[in-house]
Amino acid sequence: MSLKLTASTAAIIVVCATAASARDAIRIVGSSTVFPYTQAVAEQFANNTGFPSPIVESTGTGGGMQIFCEGIGEAHPDITGASRGMKPSEFELCVENGVTDITQANIGSDGLSIAISNSNDYDWDLSLAEIYLALGAEVPVDGEWVDNPYQTWNEIDERLPESEILVLGPPPTSGTRDAFVELAMWEGCMELDYVSEGGFDEDWVEENCSRMRTDGPFIEAGENDNLIVQRLNSDENAMGIFGYSFLFENLDTLKAVTINGVEPDPDTIASGDYPVSRPLYFYVKNAHRGVIPGLNEFLEEYMSEDAMAPGGYLTERGMVALGDARRSEVQDAVLNGRTMEAPES
C-alpha cells in the first residue's frame, strides 16, 4: 500500500526538511558491502559537480536502518545502503518517526564469497551442508542434535584437509550476516539427511539453524571487511565471508572457495548458478530532496548508465549489473521519487 501523509505529518516534514538545509554535505549510512559502490559514486559526483563530497559511513545494514529511520532533518542521514531488503519492523520504525516517503533502489546484485589466501594450496570446494556443519551452533551427530563438536575440516569430510576451522565473518547487525544465514546456513541445514529425512519444516530450520557457533571456529570480525582481508593475508588457513566486491578487489592475494563446484563471478552471480547471491539496495528520504544541496544530482549520478550499466564503473568494482528492463524500472523510481510500499512479512 502507498502511504498517505496527514496534514500534520506533512507540516512536520516541511519544518524538519527546512532545518536540513543547514547541512551542506549529503550523509549516507548503511551496508559495508554497498559502501564501496556508494563511495565510488560519491567521488564521481564530487568531481563532476563541484558539490561537497558526500559523507559515507559503513555502519552495517541493520545499524544503517536504525539511524536512517530515526527521523528527518539535518541530524539524520539522507540515504542508507542495504545488502537486503528493508524489514517490516524497520519500515514501521521509519513511519513512527515520520520517515514516511521513502524510495527503494535495487542497484544490482552481489555474491557472498568465502575466500582464503592464495598461499593456501588446497583446491577448496564446499557444499552448503559442509558450510553449515562447520559454522552452525548445533549439528546432528549420531542421530542427535547437539552442540557443534567439529574443530577441523577433515572431521566433517575425510577429503578435506586436517586443518583448523577458522572463519571470520560479519556480526548480526550486518545485512551480509542476514543474507549468509538465509542463503547458506538455512539451505545447508536443509541438505542434511537428519533434517531432510526427519520431516522438519522451514520454521524448524529457521529456529534451529540460524545461530553461528560461538566456541571459536567462527569469529565475528566487525563491519570492516578490509580487516578480514588483512587477517586472511596473515593466516593462510583462515577463511573470510564478505561480498564479492571485496574478493574482486583482492584477487592478487585471495581466492574463492567454490560452492557446489561453482566459483563466484559476475556471470554465475547474475544467472543464480552461484548459490549464495543477493540483491543490493539503497533507500532515500524523499523529504530531503530539494533541501539537502546536491541530493538530486547525486541520485542522478548513481542512476546513470555510466555507473549502473554493464561495463559501468560500479561493475568494474565487482557489482553485478541489473538487466536492461529492471535497471530502467529502478532508474525511473529513483529519479521520480516513487514511494515504496510497505514490505511484506
Protein backbone atom coordinates (compact mmCIF):
# COMPACT_ATOMS: atom_id res chain seq x y z
CA MET A 1 0.00 0.00 0.00
CA SER A 2 1.16 3.57 -0.67
CA LEU A 3 1.42 5.83 2.34
CA LYS A 4 -0.82 8.92 2.62
CA LEU A 5 0.53 11.88 4.59
CA THR A 6 -1.72 13.71 7.01
CA ALA A 7 -1.61 17.50 7.07
CA SER A 8 0.18 17.45 10.42
CA THR A 9 2.77 14.95 9.22
CA ALA A 10 3.39 17.00 6.09
CA ALA A 11 3.86 20.09 8.21
CA ILE A 12 6.44 18.32 10.36
CA ILE A 13 8.30 17.25 7.24
CA VAL A 14 8.38 20.80 5.90
CA VAL A 15 9.76 22.16 9.18
CA CYS A 16 12.37 19.43 9.57
CA ALA A 17 13.37 19.47 5.93
CA THR A 18 13.88 23.23 6.07
CA ALA A 19 16.16 22.73 9.05
CA ALA A 20 18.08 20.19 6.99
CA SER A 21 19.23 22.97 4.67
CA ALA A 22 21.78 23.93 7.33
CA ARG A 23 23.76 20.84 6.30
CA ASP A 24 25.78 21.20 3.09
CA ALA A 25 27.01 17.61 2.58
CA ILE A 26 24.86 14.59 1.77
CA ARG A 27 25.05 11.99 4.56
CA ILE A 28 24.85 8.27 3.80
CA VAL A 29 24.98 5.29 6.17
CA GLY A 30 24.49 1.54 5.85
CA SER A 31 25.88 -1.70 4.48
CA SER A 32 29.61 -2.37 4.35
CA THR A 33 29.00 -4.25 1.09
CA VAL A 34 27.21 -1.34 -0.57
CA PHE A 35 29.75 1.14 0.88
CA PRO A 36 32.43 0.85 -1.87
CA TYR A 37 29.84 1.34 -4.61
CA THR A 38 28.32 4.39 -2.93
CA GLN A 39 31.79 5.76 -2.23
CA ALA A 40 32.67 5.42 -5.91
CA VAL A 41 29.53 7.34 -6.88
CA ALA A 42 30.28 9.98 -4.25
CA GLU A 43 33.76 10.54 -5.69
CA GLN A 44 32.45 10.77 -9.25
CA PHE A 45 29.65 13.11 -8.17
CA ALA A 46 32.02 15.47 -6.33
CA ASN A 47 34.46 15.52 -9.26
CA ASN A 48 31.74 16.21 -11.82
CA THR A 49 29.63 18.78 -9.97
CA GLY A 50 31.73 20.68 -7.50
CA PHE A 51 29.34 19.84 -4.66
CA PRO A 52 30.96 18.73 -1.38
CA SER A 53 31.77 15.04 -1.34
CA PRO A 54 29.02 13.08 0.44
CA ILE A 55 29.84 11.67 3.86
CA VAL A 56 29.57 7.88 3.53
CA GLU A 57 29.66 5.76 6.70
CA SER A 58 29.89 1.96 6.90
CA THR A 59 27.51 1.14 9.75
CA GLY A 60 26.15 -2.23 8.60
CA THR A 61 22.70 -2.73 7.14
CA GLY A 62 20.87 -3.10 10.45
CA GLY A 63 22.71 -0.19 12.06
CA GLY A 64 22.10 1.94 8.99
CA MET A 65 18.36 1.23 9.04
CA GLN A 66 18.20 2.19 12.71
CA ILE A 67 19.95 5.52 12.08
CA PHE A 68 18.07 6.23 8.84
CA CYS A 69 14.68 5.65 10.47
CA GLU A 70 15.27 7.90 13.47
CA GLY A 71 13.78 10.92 11.76
CA ILE A 72 14.04 13.65 9.15
CA GLY A 73 16.03 16.88 9.17
CA GLU A 74 19.68 17.87 9.31
CA ALA A 75 20.52 15.49 12.19
CA HIS A 76 19.51 12.42 10.18
CA PRO A 77 21.04 10.78 7.08
CA ASP A 78 19.56 11.11 3.62
CA ILE A 79 20.32 7.61 2.29
CA THR A 80 21.09 4.18 3.70
CA GLY A 81 22.67 1.29 1.82
CA ALA A 82 21.47 -2.25 2.44
CA SER A 83 22.56 -5.75 1.49
CA ARG A 84 19.00 -7.00 2.00
CA GLY A 85 15.52 -5.54 1.70
CA MET A 86 14.09 -3.34 4.44
CA LYS A 87 12.31 -5.42 7.10
CA PRO A 88 8.68 -4.68 8.07
CA SER A 89 9.85 -3.77 11.58
CA GLU A 90 12.31 -1.25 10.16
CA PHE A 91 9.65 0.25 7.92
CA GLU A 92 7.37 0.59 10.94
CA LEU A 93 10.15 2.34 12.87
CA CYS A 94 10.57 4.79 9.99
CA VAL A 95 6.84 5.52 9.92
CA GLU A 96 6.73 6.01 13.70
CA ASN A 97 9.45 8.65 13.36
CA GLY A 98 7.89 10.50 10.43
CA VAL A 99 10.03 8.94 7.71
CA THR A 100 7.02 8.11 5.57
CA ASP A 101 8.12 8.82 1.99
CA ILE A 102 10.98 6.50 1.01
CA THR A 103 12.22 5.34 -2.38
CA GLN A 104 13.81 1.90 -2.63
CA ALA A 105 16.51 1.26 -5.23
CA ASN A 106 17.77 -2.21 -6.17
CA ILE A 107 21.15 -1.16 -7.58
CA GLY A 108 22.48 -4.58 -8.60
CA SER A 109 23.48 -7.97 -7.24
CA ASP A 110 26.33 -9.39 -5.22
CA GLY A 111 27.62 -12.81 -4.29
CA LEU A 112 28.59 -13.72 -0.75
CA SER A 113 32.10 -15.05 -1.09
CA ILE A 114 34.04 -17.37 1.12
CA ALA A 115 37.69 -16.57 0.47
CA ILE A 116 41.08 -17.87 1.54
CA SER A 117 44.66 -16.81 0.95
CA ASN A 118 46.25 -17.66 -2.40
CA SER A 119 49.11 -19.16 -0.39
CA ASN A 120 46.80 -21.97 0.74
CA ASP A 121 47.46 -24.66 -1.88
CA TYR A 122 44.32 -26.78 -1.33
CA ASP A 123 41.66 -26.63 -4.07
CA TRP A 124 38.74 -25.67 -1.83
CA ASP A 125 35.21 -26.66 -2.81
CA LEU A 126 32.48 -26.94 -0.18
CA SER A 127 28.84 -27.91 -0.25
CA LEU A 128 26.30 -25.82 1.61
CA ALA A 129 25.82 -28.73 4.01
CA GLU A 130 29.56 -28.73 4.81
CA ILE A 131 29.48 -24.97 5.39
CA TYR A 132 26.62 -25.43 7.84
CA LEU A 133 28.41 -28.28 9.65
CA ALA A 134 31.48 -26.07 10.05
CA LEU A 135 29.69 -22.98 11.31
CA GLY A 136 26.32 -23.96 12.81
CA ALA A 137 25.94 -23.72 16.60
CA GLU A 138 24.17 -27.09 16.66
CA VAL A 139 24.55 -30.01 14.26
CA PRO A 140 23.44 -33.63 14.00
CA VAL A 141 25.87 -36.21 15.39
CA ASP A 142 24.92 -39.90 15.58
CA GLY A 143 21.25 -39.07 15.21
CA GLU A 144 21.22 -36.38 17.91
CA TRP A 145 21.01 -32.57 17.56
CA VAL A 146 23.96 -31.37 19.67
CA ASP A 147 26.44 -28.54 20.16
CA ASN A 148 28.87 -28.46 17.22
CA PRO A 149 31.91 -30.63 18.03
CA TYR A 150 33.85 -30.15 14.78
CA GLN A 151 37.22 -28.43 15.08
CA THR A 152 38.99 -29.46 11.86
CA TRP A 153 37.70 -29.70 8.30
CA ASN A 154 38.54 -33.40 7.87
CA GLU A 155 36.21 -34.21 10.79
CA ILE A 156 33.37 -33.04 8.52
CA ASP A 157 34.58 -34.94 5.44
CA GLU A 158 37.74 -37.03 5.05
CA ARG A 159 38.53 -35.45 1.68
CA LEU A 160 39.05 -32.07 3.36
CA PRO A 161 42.37 -31.02 4.92
CA GLU A 162 43.26 -31.73 8.53
CA SER A 163 43.33 -28.01 9.25
CA GLU A 164 41.60 -25.94 11.91
CA ILE A 165 38.18 -24.49 11.08
CA LEU A 166 38.66 -20.74 11.34
CA VAL A 167 36.18 -18.48 9.56
CA LEU A 168 35.88 -14.73 10.02
CA GLY A 169 32.53 -13.17 9.21
CA PRO A 170 30.15 -10.29 9.80
CA PRO A 171 28.25 -9.52 13.04
CA PRO A 172 24.48 -9.88 13.50
CA THR A 173 23.90 -6.20 12.63
CA SER A 174 25.19 -6.78 9.11
CA GLY A 175 22.98 -7.46 6.12
CA THR A 176 25.75 -9.74 4.89
CA ARG A 177 25.22 -11.87 8.02
CA ASP A 178 21.46 -11.94 7.46
CA ALA A 179 21.91 -12.97 3.84
CA PHE A 180 24.54 -15.60 4.68
CA VAL A 181 22.29 -17.19 7.30
CA GLU A 182 19.37 -17.34 4.89
CA LEU A 183 21.24 -18.39 1.73
CA ALA A 184 23.99 -20.62 3.14
CA MET A 185 23.09 -21.72 6.67
CA TRP A 186 19.40 -22.48 6.16
CA GLU A 187 19.95 -24.09 2.78
CA GLY A 188 22.91 -26.10 4.05
CA CYS A 189 20.95 -27.25 7.08
CA MET A 190 18.08 -28.43 4.88
CA GLU A 191 20.54 -30.54 2.85
CA LEU A 192 21.49 -32.60 5.93
CA ASP A 193 19.95 -36.08 6.00
CA TYR A 194 18.95 -35.53 9.62
CA VAL A 195 16.77 -32.59 8.54
CA SER A 196 15.61 -33.62 5.06
CA GLU A 197 14.65 -37.13 6.19
CA GLY A 198 13.41 -36.08 9.63
CA GLY A 199 10.28 -34.27 8.49
CA PHE A 200 11.46 -30.87 9.75
CA ASP A 201 9.86 -27.87 8.07
CA GLU A 202 11.21 -24.40 7.21
CA ASP A 203 10.03 -22.96 10.54
CA TRP A 204 12.09 -25.57 12.38
CA VAL A 205 15.11 -24.79 10.21
CA GLU A 206 14.78 -21.04 10.80
CA GLU A 207 14.54 -21.58 14.56
CA ASN A 208 17.32 -24.15 14.89
CA CYS A 209 19.78 -23.43 12.07
CA SER A 210 20.25 -19.65 12.28
CA ARG A 211 22.82 -19.40 15.06
CA MET A 212 26.52 -19.29 14.26
CA ARG A 213 28.75 -21.15 16.69
CA THR A 214 30.45 -19.12 19.44
CA ASP A 215 33.11 -21.60 20.62
CA GLY A 216 35.96 -20.30 18.45
CA PRO A 217 35.87 -21.60 14.84
CA PHE A 218 33.64 -18.69 13.77
CA ILE A 219 34.83 -15.18 14.65
CA GLU A 220 32.70 -12.05 14.34
CA ALA A 221 35.06 -9.61 12.65
CA GLY A 222 33.02 -6.41 12.74
CA GLU A 223 31.70 -4.31 9.86
CA ASN A 224 35.10 -3.54 8.29
CA ASP A 225 35.65 -6.15 5.58
CA ASN A 226 39.16 -4.84 4.95
CA LEU A 227 40.17 -6.14 8.38
CA ILE A 228 39.04 -9.63 7.34
CA VAL A 229 41.15 -9.35 4.19
CA GLN A 230 44.18 -8.39 6.30
CA ARG A 231 43.66 -11.38 8.59
CA LEU A 232 43.40 -13.80 5.65
CA ASN A 233 46.64 -12.43 4.26
CA SER A 234 48.37 -13.16 7.58
CA ASP A 235 46.91 -16.66 8.14
CA GLU A 236 46.79 -18.98 5.14
CA ASN A 237 44.28 -21.34 6.81
CA ALA A 238 41.74 -18.67 7.80
CA MET A 239 38.66 -18.08 5.66
CA GLY A 240 36.55 -14.95 5.41
CA ILE A 241 32.96 -14.20 4.47
CA PHE A 242 32.23 -10.95 2.62
CA GLY A 243 30.67 -9.56 -0.53
CA TYR A 244 32.09 -10.48 -3.92
CA SER A 245 33.34 -6.93 -4.46
CA PHE A 246 35.94 -7.37 -1.71
CA LEU A 247 37.15 -10.64 -3.22
CA PHE A 248 37.22 -8.98 -6.65
CA GLU A 249 39.36 -6.14 -5.30
CA ASN A 250 41.80 -8.56 -3.62
CA LEU A 251 42.28 -11.32 -6.20
CA ASP A 252 46.01 -10.65 -6.12
CA THR A 253 46.17 -12.20 -2.63
CA LEU A 254 42.90 -14.13 -2.17
CA LYS A 255 40.98 -16.88 -3.98
CA ALA A 256 37.40 -18.04 -3.76
CA VAL A 257 36.21 -21.20 -2.07
CA THR A 258 33.89 -22.63 -4.69
CA ILE A 259 30.44 -23.74 -3.52
CA ASN A 260 28.93 -26.84 -5.10
CA GLY A 261 31.66 -26.53 -7.72
CA VAL A 262 30.65 -23.00 -8.75
CA GLU A 263 33.02 -20.05 -8.45
CA PRO A 264 31.58 -16.59 -7.80
CA ASP A 265 31.92 -14.23 -10.74
CA PRO A 266 29.61 -11.72 -12.43
CA ASP A 267 28.14 -14.35 -14.76
CA THR A 268 27.40 -17.01 -12.12
CA ILE A 269 26.00 -14.42 -9.70
CA ALA A 270 23.74 -12.83 -12.33
CA SER A 271 22.48 -16.22 -13.52
CA GLY A 272 21.89 -17.53 -10.00
CA ASP A 273 24.18 -20.51 -10.61
CA TYR A 274 26.30 -19.35 -7.71
CA PRO A 275 24.11 -20.37 -4.76
CA VAL A 276 24.96 -17.58 -2.32
CA SER A 277 23.95 -14.38 -4.13
CA ARG A 278 21.68 -11.50 -3.17
CA PRO A 279 20.31 -8.13 -4.34
CA LEU A 280 21.78 -4.83 -3.11
CA TYR A 281 19.77 -1.71 -2.27
CA PHE A 282 19.77 1.84 -1.12
CA TYR A 283 16.89 3.83 0.41
CA VAL A 284 16.43 7.61 0.11
CA LYS A 285 14.28 10.04 2.11
CA ASN A 286 12.20 11.96 -0.37
CA ALA A 287 11.57 14.71 2.20
CA HIS A 288 15.25 15.63 1.85
CA ARG A 289 15.14 16.05 -1.94
CA GLY A 290 15.43 19.66 -2.99
CA VAL A 291 16.53 20.56 0.55
CA ILE A 292 19.91 18.90 1.02
CA PRO A 293 22.18 20.55 -1.58
CA GLY A 294 23.15 18.17 -4.38
CA LEU A 295 20.98 15.23 -3.29
CA ASN A 296 19.01 15.09 -6.54
CA GLU A 297 22.20 15.44 -8.57
CA PHE A 298 23.84 12.65 -6.55
CA LEU A 299 20.90 10.35 -7.26
CA GLU A 300 21.14 11.20 -10.96
CA GLU A 301 24.81 10.16 -10.90
CA TYR A 302 24.01 6.91 -9.05
CA MET A 303 21.29 6.07 -11.58
CA SER A 304 23.39 6.98 -14.63
CA GLU A 305 24.31 4.39 -17.24
CA ASP A 306 27.95 5.28 -16.59
CA ALA A 307 27.52 3.94 -13.07
CA MET A 308 24.89 1.16 -13.25
CA ALA A 309 25.04 -0.34 -16.72
CA PRO A 310 27.13 -3.40 -17.65
CA GLY A 311 30.66 -2.10 -18.11
CA GLY A 312 29.93 0.92 -15.90
CA TYR A 313 32.27 1.95 -13.13
CA LEU A 314 30.28 0.10 -10.47
CA THR A 315 30.60 -3.19 -12.34
CA GLU A 316 34.32 -2.52 -12.58
CA ARG A 317 34.31 -2.65 -8.76
CA GLY A 318 32.55 -6.02 -8.69
CA MET A 319 28.84 -5.22 -8.68
CA VAL A 320 26.70 -7.37 -10.97
CA ALA A 321 24.54 -5.09 -13.11
CA LEU A 322 20.78 -5.38 -13.44
CA GLY A 323 19.23 -6.37 -16.76
CA ASP A 324 18.12 -3.53 -19.03
CA ALA A 325 14.40 -3.71 -18.18
CA ARG A 326 14.90 -3.94 -14.42
CA ARG A 327 17.54 -1.19 -14.47
CA SER A 328 15.15 1.10 -16.32
CA GLU A 329 12.45 0.48 -13.68
CA VAL A 330 14.82 1.34 -10.85
CA GLN A 331 16.09 4.47 -12.59
CA ASP A 332 12.52 5.65 -13.11
CA ALA A 333 11.57 5.00 -9.48
CA VAL A 334 14.58 6.85 -8.07
CA LEU A 335 14.66 9.80 -10.43
CA ASN A 336 10.93 10.39 -9.97
CA GLY A 337 10.91 9.78 -6.21
CA ARG A 338 8.38 6.95 -6.24
CA THR A 339 7.28 5.97 -2.73
CA MET A 340 7.92 2.37 -1.78
CA GLU A 341 5.18 0.16 -0.45
CA ALA A 342 5.38 -1.39 3.00
CA PRO A 343 7.45 -4.61 2.80
CA GLU A 344 5.60 -7.84 3.36
CA SER A 345 6.35 -10.01 6.38
